Amino acid sequence: MAHTAPRTLLRPRPRRTGRRHPLVATVMALPLAALLLLVFDGWDTVATQASSVGVMLGR
C-alpha cells in the first residue's frame, strides 16, 4: 500500500446571515452594467440590468 500524506480537514467559512445592504448590491452591480454597456453598446442592456437589480432589491 502506498504511503500517503495525511489529509487536513478544511473548515468551511462561517456563513453570514441576514441581507446585504442595498447600496452594497448596487455597487456590485454597477461594474457589470458598465461592462454590458461597453460590450453590447446599447442602453437597452443597461436598462434591463438596472431593472433586474431593482427587482432584486425589492423595489
N, C-alpha and C. Protein backbone atom coordinates (compact mmCIF):
# COMPACT_ATOMS: atom_id res chain seq x y z
N MET A 1 0.84 -1.18 0.00
CA MET A 1 0.00 0.00 0.00
C MET A 1 0.89 1.24 0.00
N ALA A 2 0.51 2.23 -0.74
CA ALA A 2 1.33 3.44 -0.85
C ALA A 2 1.23 4.28 0.41
N HIS A 3 2.33 4.90 0.74
CA HIS A 3 2.35 5.79 1.90
C HIS A 3 1.90 7.18 1.46
N THR A 4 0.82 7.67 2.02
CA THR A 4 0.28 8.97 1.60
C THR A 4 0.35 9.96 2.75
N ALA A 5 0.39 11.20 2.40
CA ALA A 5 0.40 12.26 3.42
C ALA A 5 -0.99 12.37 4.02
N PRO A 6 -1.07 12.68 5.31
CA PRO A 6 -2.39 12.82 5.93
C PRO A 6 -3.14 14.02 5.35
N ARG A 7 -4.41 13.87 5.25
CA ARG A 7 -5.24 14.96 4.73
C ARG A 7 -5.65 15.87 5.87
N THR A 8 -5.62 17.14 5.58
CA THR A 8 -6.07 18.09 6.60
C THR A 8 -7.54 18.39 6.38
N LEU A 9 -8.21 18.63 7.46
CA LEU A 9 -9.63 18.96 7.36
C LEU A 9 -9.78 20.44 7.07
N LEU A 10 -10.54 20.75 6.05
CA LEU A 10 -10.81 22.13 5.71
C LEU A 10 -12.08 22.56 6.41
N ARG A 11 -11.98 23.61 7.16
CA ARG A 11 -13.15 24.11 7.86
C ARG A 11 -13.87 25.12 6.96
N PRO A 12 -15.15 24.92 6.75
CA PRO A 12 -15.87 25.89 5.93
C PRO A 12 -15.98 27.23 6.65
N ARG A 13 -15.95 28.29 5.87
CA ARG A 13 -16.08 29.61 6.46
C ARG A 13 -17.48 29.79 7.02
N PRO A 14 -17.61 30.50 8.11
CA PRO A 14 -18.95 30.72 8.65
C PRO A 14 -19.78 31.57 7.70
N ARG A 15 -21.01 31.20 7.53
CA ARG A 15 -21.89 31.94 6.62
C ARG A 15 -22.52 33.10 7.36
N ARG A 16 -22.59 34.21 6.69
CA ARG A 16 -23.24 35.36 7.28
C ARG A 16 -24.74 35.24 7.08
N THR A 17 -25.45 35.63 8.08
CA THR A 17 -26.89 35.60 7.97
C THR A 17 -27.38 37.03 7.77
N GLY A 18 -28.57 37.15 7.25
CA GLY A 18 -29.12 38.48 7.02
C GLY A 18 -29.04 38.86 5.56
N ARG A 19 -29.44 40.08 5.31
CA ARG A 19 -29.47 40.57 3.93
C ARG A 19 -28.34 41.55 3.69
N ARG A 20 -27.96 41.65 2.43
CA ARG A 20 -26.92 42.59 2.03
C ARG A 20 -27.55 43.97 1.90
N HIS A 21 -26.81 44.98 2.28
CA HIS A 21 -27.31 46.35 2.20
C HIS A 21 -27.54 46.71 0.73
N PRO A 22 -28.64 47.41 0.42
CA PRO A 22 -28.93 47.75 -0.98
C PRO A 22 -27.82 48.55 -1.66
N LEU A 23 -27.14 49.38 -0.93
CA LEU A 23 -26.06 50.16 -1.53
C LEU A 23 -24.90 49.25 -1.95
N VAL A 24 -24.62 48.23 -1.15
CA VAL A 24 -23.56 47.28 -1.49
C VAL A 24 -23.95 46.51 -2.75
N ALA A 25 -25.19 46.08 -2.83
CA ALA A 25 -25.66 45.36 -4.02
C ALA A 25 -25.58 46.24 -5.26
N THR A 26 -25.91 47.51 -5.11
CA THR A 26 -25.85 48.43 -6.24
C THR A 26 -24.41 48.63 -6.70
N VAL A 27 -23.50 48.80 -5.74
CA VAL A 27 -22.09 49.00 -6.09
C VAL A 27 -21.53 47.75 -6.78
N MET A 28 -22.01 46.59 -6.38
CA MET A 28 -21.56 45.35 -7.02
C MET A 28 -22.11 45.23 -8.44
N ALA A 29 -23.29 45.74 -8.69
CA ALA A 29 -23.92 45.59 -10.00
C ALA A 29 -23.46 46.65 -11.00
N LEU A 30 -23.01 47.80 -10.54
CA LEU A 30 -22.63 48.87 -11.45
C LEU A 30 -21.49 48.50 -12.41
N PRO A 31 -20.43 47.85 -11.94
CA PRO A 31 -19.39 47.46 -12.91
C PRO A 31 -19.91 46.52 -13.99
N LEU A 32 -20.80 45.62 -13.64
CA LEU A 32 -21.37 44.72 -14.63
C LEU A 32 -22.21 45.50 -15.64
N ALA A 33 -22.96 46.46 -15.15
CA ALA A 33 -23.76 47.28 -16.06
C ALA A 33 -22.86 48.07 -17.01
N ALA A 34 -21.76 48.61 -16.50
CA ALA A 34 -20.83 49.35 -17.36
C ALA A 34 -20.19 48.41 -18.39
N LEU A 35 -19.85 47.20 -17.96
CA LEU A 35 -19.27 46.23 -18.89
C LEU A 35 -20.27 45.86 -19.99
N LEU A 36 -21.53 45.65 -19.62
CA LEU A 36 -22.55 45.35 -20.63
C LEU A 36 -22.71 46.50 -21.61
N LEU A 37 -22.62 47.72 -21.11
CA LEU A 37 -22.74 48.88 -21.98
C LEU A 37 -21.60 48.90 -22.99
N LEU A 38 -20.38 48.61 -22.54
CA LEU A 38 -19.24 48.62 -23.45
C LEU A 38 -19.26 47.45 -24.43
N VAL A 39 -19.60 46.27 -23.93
CA VAL A 39 -19.55 45.07 -24.78
C VAL A 39 -20.67 45.07 -25.81
N PHE A 40 -21.89 45.36 -25.37
CA PHE A 40 -23.03 45.26 -26.27
C PHE A 40 -23.42 46.60 -26.87
N ASP A 41 -22.81 47.68 -26.40
CA ASP A 41 -23.02 49.01 -26.95
C ASP A 41 -24.50 49.36 -27.08
N GLY A 42 -25.20 49.22 -25.97
CA GLY A 42 -26.62 49.56 -26.02
C GLY A 42 -27.17 49.90 -24.65
N TRP A 43 -28.05 50.90 -24.63
CA TRP A 43 -28.68 51.30 -23.38
C TRP A 43 -29.74 50.31 -22.94
N ASP A 44 -30.29 49.54 -23.89
CA ASP A 44 -31.33 48.57 -23.53
C ASP A 44 -30.79 47.52 -22.57
N THR A 45 -29.58 47.07 -22.82
CA THR A 45 -28.97 46.06 -21.95
C THR A 45 -28.75 46.63 -20.55
N VAL A 46 -28.27 47.88 -20.50
CA VAL A 46 -28.03 48.50 -19.20
C VAL A 46 -29.34 48.71 -18.46
N ALA A 47 -30.38 49.12 -19.18
CA ALA A 47 -31.69 49.32 -18.55
C ALA A 47 -32.24 47.99 -18.03
N THR A 48 -32.06 46.92 -18.77
CA THR A 48 -32.52 45.61 -18.33
C THR A 48 -31.78 45.18 -17.07
N GLN A 49 -30.47 45.40 -17.05
CA GLN A 49 -29.68 45.04 -15.88
C GLN A 49 -30.10 45.86 -14.67
N ALA A 50 -30.31 47.16 -14.87
CA ALA A 50 -30.72 48.02 -13.76
C ALA A 50 -32.10 47.60 -13.25
N SER A 51 -32.98 47.20 -14.14
CA SER A 51 -34.30 46.74 -13.73
C SER A 51 -34.18 45.46 -12.92
N SER A 52 -33.30 44.57 -13.32
CA SER A 52 -33.10 43.33 -12.58
C SER A 52 -32.57 43.60 -11.17
N VAL A 53 -31.66 44.56 -11.08
CA VAL A 53 -31.14 44.92 -9.76
C VAL A 53 -32.24 45.51 -8.90
N GLY A 54 -33.11 46.34 -9.51
CA GLY A 54 -34.23 46.91 -8.76
C GLY A 54 -35.17 45.84 -8.24
N VAL A 55 -35.43 44.84 -9.06
CA VAL A 55 -36.30 43.74 -8.62
C VAL A 55 -35.61 42.96 -7.51
N MET A 56 -34.31 42.76 -7.64
CA MET A 56 -33.57 42.04 -6.60
C MET A 56 -33.62 42.78 -5.27
N LEU A 57 -33.57 44.10 -5.34
CA LEU A 57 -33.61 44.90 -4.12
C LEU A 57 -35.03 45.03 -3.57
N GLY A 58 -36.00 44.58 -4.34
CA GLY A 58 -37.38 44.61 -3.87
C GLY A 58 -38.08 45.94 -4.08
N ARG A 59 -37.70 46.63 -5.14
CA ARG A 59 -38.33 47.94 -5.41
C ARG A 59 -39.14 47.87 -6.68
